[in-house]
Protein backbone atom coordinates (compact mmCIF):
# COMPACT_ATOMS: atom_id res chain seq x y z
CA MET A 1 71.84 108.74 70.44
CA GLU A 2 73.64 105.44 70.89
CA THR A 3 77.30 105.71 71.84
CA LYS A 4 80.20 103.26 72.03
CA SER A 5 83.89 103.51 72.90
CA CYS A 6 86.73 103.20 70.41
CA ILE A 7 89.12 100.43 71.49
CA TYR A 8 92.08 102.52 70.34
CA CYS A 9 91.56 106.12 71.45
CA GLY A 10 89.04 105.36 74.21
CA ARG A 11 86.66 108.16 73.24
CA THR A 12 82.91 107.64 73.62
CA LEU A 13 81.37 108.57 70.27
CA ASP A 14 78.15 108.27 68.31
CA VAL A 15 78.01 104.83 66.73
CA LYS A 16 77.73 106.54 63.33
CA MET A 17 81.33 107.63 63.78
CA LEU A 18 82.52 104.12 64.59
CA ILE A 19 83.04 100.81 62.79
CA ASP A 20 81.81 97.64 64.45
CA LYS A 21 84.12 94.65 63.94
CA ALA A 22 83.16 91.54 65.85
CA GLY A 23 81.66 93.60 68.65
CA LYS A 24 84.69 95.87 68.95
CA TYR A 25 84.37 99.49 67.90
CA ARG A 26 86.98 101.70 66.27
CA CYS A 27 86.92 105.17 64.70
CA LYS A 28 85.96 105.46 61.03
CA ASP A 29 88.40 108.37 60.73
CA GLU A 30 91.68 106.59 61.46
CA TYR A 31 93.77 109.77 61.16
CA ASN A 32 91.63 111.64 63.66
CA CYS A 33 91.80 108.64 66.00
CA LEU A 34 95.60 108.54 65.75
CA ASP A 35 95.90 112.28 66.29
CA TYR A 36 93.82 112.00 69.44
CA GLN A 37 95.99 109.15 70.75
CA THR A 38 99.26 110.97 70.16
CA GLN A 39 98.24 114.43 71.35
CA GLU A 40 99.56 115.60 74.67
CA ASP A 41 97.07 116.33 77.41
CA PRO A 42 96.76 120.06 78.03
CA ALA A 43 98.53 121.24 81.14
CA ASP A 44 95.24 122.30 82.70
CA SER A 45 93.32 119.18 81.59
CA ILE A 46 92.33 118.25 85.13
CA GLU A 47 90.73 121.70 85.44
CA ASN A 48 88.92 121.40 82.13
CA PRO A 49 85.33 120.24 82.80
CA ASP A 50 84.88 118.91 79.26
CA TYR A 51 88.08 116.90 79.44
CA VAL A 52 87.27 115.40 82.83
CA SER A 53 83.67 114.70 81.82
CA GLY A 54 84.82 112.97 78.65
CA ILE A 55 87.25 110.74 80.53
CA VAL A 56 84.59 109.75 83.07
CA LYS A 57 81.91 109.04 80.47
CA SER A 58 84.34 107.01 78.40
CA SER A 59 85.33 104.95 81.43
CA LEU A 60 81.73 104.32 82.45
CA THR A 61 80.74 103.25 78.94
CA ALA A 62 83.71 100.93 78.64
CA ALA A 63 82.97 99.50 82.09
CA ALA A 64 79.33 98.79 81.15
CA GLU A 65 80.48 96.98 78.01
CA ARG A 66 82.92 94.88 80.01
CA ILE A 67 80.28 93.97 82.59
CA ALA A 68 77.91 92.96 79.78
CA GLY A 69 80.68 90.80 78.41
CA TYR A 70 81.25 89.17 81.80
CA LYS A 71 77.55 88.36 82.08
CA GLY A 72 77.44 86.94 78.57
CA THR A 73 80.48 84.77 79.26
CA LYS A 74 78.92 83.49 82.46
CA ASP A 75 75.67 82.58 80.68
CA ASP A 76 77.55 80.88 77.85
CA GLN A 77 79.64 78.88 80.29
CA THR A 78 76.54 77.79 82.20
CA THR A 79 74.74 76.64 79.05
CA LYS A 80 77.79 75.05 77.49
CA GLY A 81 78.81 73.47 80.77
CA SER A 82 75.45 71.72 81.15
CA ARG A 83 75.58 70.42 77.57
CA ASP A 84 79.18 69.27 77.81
CA HIS A 85 78.48 67.51 81.09
CA LEU A 86 75.82 65.38 79.44
CA GLU A 87 77.90 64.67 76.34
CA SER A 88 81.17 63.78 78.00
CA ALA A 89 80.34 62.49 81.48
CA GLU A 90 82.50 59.40 81.07
CA GLU A 91 85.47 61.39 79.83
CA SER A 92 85.05 63.80 82.73
CA VAL A 93 85.16 60.96 85.24
CA ALA A 94 88.26 59.52 83.60
CA GLU A 95 90.05 62.87 83.61
CA TRP A 96 89.32 63.42 87.28
CA ALA A 97 90.47 59.89 88.09
CA TRP A 98 93.80 60.74 86.43
CA MET A 99 94.14 63.96 88.37
CA LYS A 100 93.26 62.34 91.68
CA SER A 101 95.72 59.51 91.02
CA VAL A 102 98.68 61.80 90.42
CA ALA A 103 97.66 64.07 93.33
CA ASP A 104 97.66 61.00 95.58
CA ALA A 105 101.10 60.09 94.26
CA LEU A 106 102.28 63.60 95.08
CA ALA A 107 100.81 63.21 98.57
CA SER A 108 103.05 60.18 99.11
CA GLU A 109 106.06 62.44 98.59
CA TYR A 110 104.89 64.54 101.55
CA GLN A 111 103.65 61.77 103.83
CA ASN A 112 106.41 62.42 106.36
CA ASN A 113 105.79 66.16 106.44
CA LYS A 114 103.03 66.65 108.98
CA LYS A 115 102.43 70.25 107.92
CA PHE A 116 100.68 69.01 104.78
CA VAL A 117 97.30 67.25 104.68
CA PHE A 118 95.98 65.90 101.35
CA GLN A 119 92.23 65.26 101.14
CA SER A 120 89.73 64.39 98.42
CA ASP A 121 86.00 65.03 98.82
CA GLU A 122 84.05 63.18 96.14
CA ALA A 123 80.76 64.59 97.42
CA LYS A 124 81.55 68.16 96.36
CA ASN A 125 82.14 68.17 92.62
CA HIS A 126 85.55 66.55 92.79
CA PRO A 127 87.61 69.01 94.81
CA TYR A 128 91.03 67.90 96.03
CA ARG A 129 92.20 69.94 98.99
CA ILE A 130 95.73 70.32 100.32
CA SER A 131 96.11 72.08 103.65
CA PHE A 132 99.38 73.54 104.91
CA ASN A 133 99.44 74.28 108.63
CA ASP A 134 102.53 75.64 110.35
CA ALA A 135 101.32 76.68 113.79
CA ALA A 136 104.82 77.63 114.92
CA GLN A 137 105.01 80.33 112.26
CA CYS A 138 101.25 81.07 112.11
CA LEU A 139 101.06 80.10 108.46
CA TYR A 140 97.92 78.45 107.12
CA PHE A 141 97.29 77.88 103.41
CA THR A 142 94.76 75.91 101.43
CA VAL A 143 95.36 74.68 97.89
CA LYS A 144 92.34 73.36 96.02
CA ILE A 145 92.07 71.45 92.73
CA GLU A 146 88.64 71.30 91.10
CA GLN A 147 87.13 70.08 87.86
CA ARG A 148 85.02 72.68 86.03
CA ASN A 149 82.38 71.54 83.52
CA GLY A 150 84.46 68.47 82.75
CA ALA A 151 86.63 70.50 80.38
CA HIS A 152 88.88 72.44 82.75
CA PHE A 153 90.76 72.03 85.98
CA ALA A 154 91.18 74.92 88.39
CA LEU A 155 93.95 75.55 90.90
CA THR A 156 93.26 77.90 93.82
CA VAL A 157 95.73 79.01 96.48
CA ALA A 158 94.36 80.88 99.50
CA ARG A 159 95.70 81.97 102.83
CA GLU A 160 93.56 81.15 105.82
CA GLU A 161 93.46 83.81 108.51
CA GLY A 162 91.50 81.84 111.06
CA VAL A 163 88.39 84.04 110.79
CA ALA A 164 85.28 81.90 110.38
CA ASP A 165 83.13 84.56 108.70
CA ALA A 166 85.82 86.11 106.49
CA ASP A 167 84.73 86.85 102.93
CA PRO A 168 86.34 84.11 100.77
CA LEU A 169 86.82 86.61 97.94
CA TYR A 170 89.64 88.29 99.86
CA LYS A 171 91.31 85.07 100.92
CA GLU A 172 92.00 83.84 97.40
CA PHE A 173 95.56 84.61 96.39
CA VAL A 174 95.96 82.63 93.15
CA TYR A 175 93.37 81.29 90.74
CA LYS A 176 94.34 79.49 87.54
CA SER A 177 92.29 77.53 85.01
CA TYR A 178 93.80 74.74 82.88
CA PRO A 179 92.25 72.96 79.88
CA VAL A 180 92.14 69.19 80.37
CA GLY A 181 94.75 68.78 77.66
CA ARG A 182 97.24 70.74 79.79
CA ARG A 183 96.61 68.97 83.07
CA GLU A 184 100.36 68.34 83.52
CA ASP A 185 100.84 72.11 83.74
CA LEU A 186 98.59 72.20 86.79
CA LEU A 187 100.75 69.60 88.52
CA GLU A 188 103.91 71.54 87.70
CA ASP A 189 102.43 74.71 89.18
CA LEU A 190 101.14 72.79 92.19
CA ALA A 191 104.62 71.38 92.82
CA VAL A 192 106.02 74.92 92.81
CA VAL A 193 103.45 76.08 95.37
CA LEU A 194 104.17 73.20 97.73
CA LEU A 195 107.91 73.82 97.57
CA ILE A 196 107.34 77.51 98.34
CA PHE A 197 105.43 76.57 101.49
CA ASN A 198 108.54 74.70 102.70
CA GLU A 199 110.67 77.84 102.48
CA GLU A 200 111.44 80.16 105.38
CA LYS A 201 108.47 82.23 106.53
CA ASP A 202 110.00 85.55 105.48
CA ALA A 203 110.64 84.25 101.95
CA ILE A 204 107.15 82.84 101.30
CA PRO A 205 105.29 86.11 100.51
CA ALA A 206 107.84 87.23 97.92
CA LEU A 207 107.97 83.78 96.31
CA LEU A 208 104.18 83.60 96.09
CA ARG A 209 104.08 87.04 94.49
CA GLU A 210 106.63 85.89 91.92
CA PHE A 211 104.58 82.77 91.26
CA ARG A 212 101.40 84.76 90.75
CA GLY A 213 103.27 87.21 88.54
CA ASP A 214 104.55 84.30 86.45
CA ILE A 215 101.00 83.04 85.92
CA GLU A 216 99.68 86.50 85.04
CA ALA A 217 102.56 87.10 82.62
CA ARG A 218 101.85 83.82 80.83
CA CYS A 219 98.23 84.89 80.42
CA ALA A 220 99.15 88.42 79.31
CA HIS A 221 101.42 87.06 76.59
CA GLY A 222 98.51 85.28 74.95
CA ASP A 223 99.14 81.75 76.17
CA PRO A 224 95.86 80.76 77.91
CA GLU A 225 96.76 77.10 77.70
CA ARG A 226 99.76 77.64 79.97
CA ARG A 227 99.02 80.79 81.88
CA GLY A 228 95.69 82.16 85.54
């Protein structure tokens, strides 16, 4: 018996009881679905084996579907990225030249601040790296700008802890992707990050959390062009 999860009530049901709309499943019986959503959990629900089992199975099914979606997105991006790279190589080079030019101009604004180091490495898929080192306060950050598949720019903010073999997954604090057409948004966000680094040490963590929250809120409100 094949089962899927309803996107509204979250129950894992036989596909015969669901309607498939663009890969998303919802209950055929809308009234039953609504009743399930609005019902209160029984007081002893955590002690009810059927209830607990249903919640777990529903979560596992939904998780498997999400993982499948992640894999599909990755494959699509790989295929599309290769094709786009061949079709728009010249445009990609021009876009990166623009980004590097304005990043260099931004660097000139910080040339007298020795805590900042601006570097461009053309040998590694066009990354532009900005290092912030404040040894007196033991603060070390790296900001990286990269071009992805010629169609997007990515901004990454990470805190360096000075551990050579640290897993980079846990060092990344902010990641944000920008379509080429919104490249100015990346520079605006970058300017905010650099100004935060110049604040007092005790203020930096809270300001960075606010910045990340701002990016996440922009994404959550359905504005991927000006989100992370």
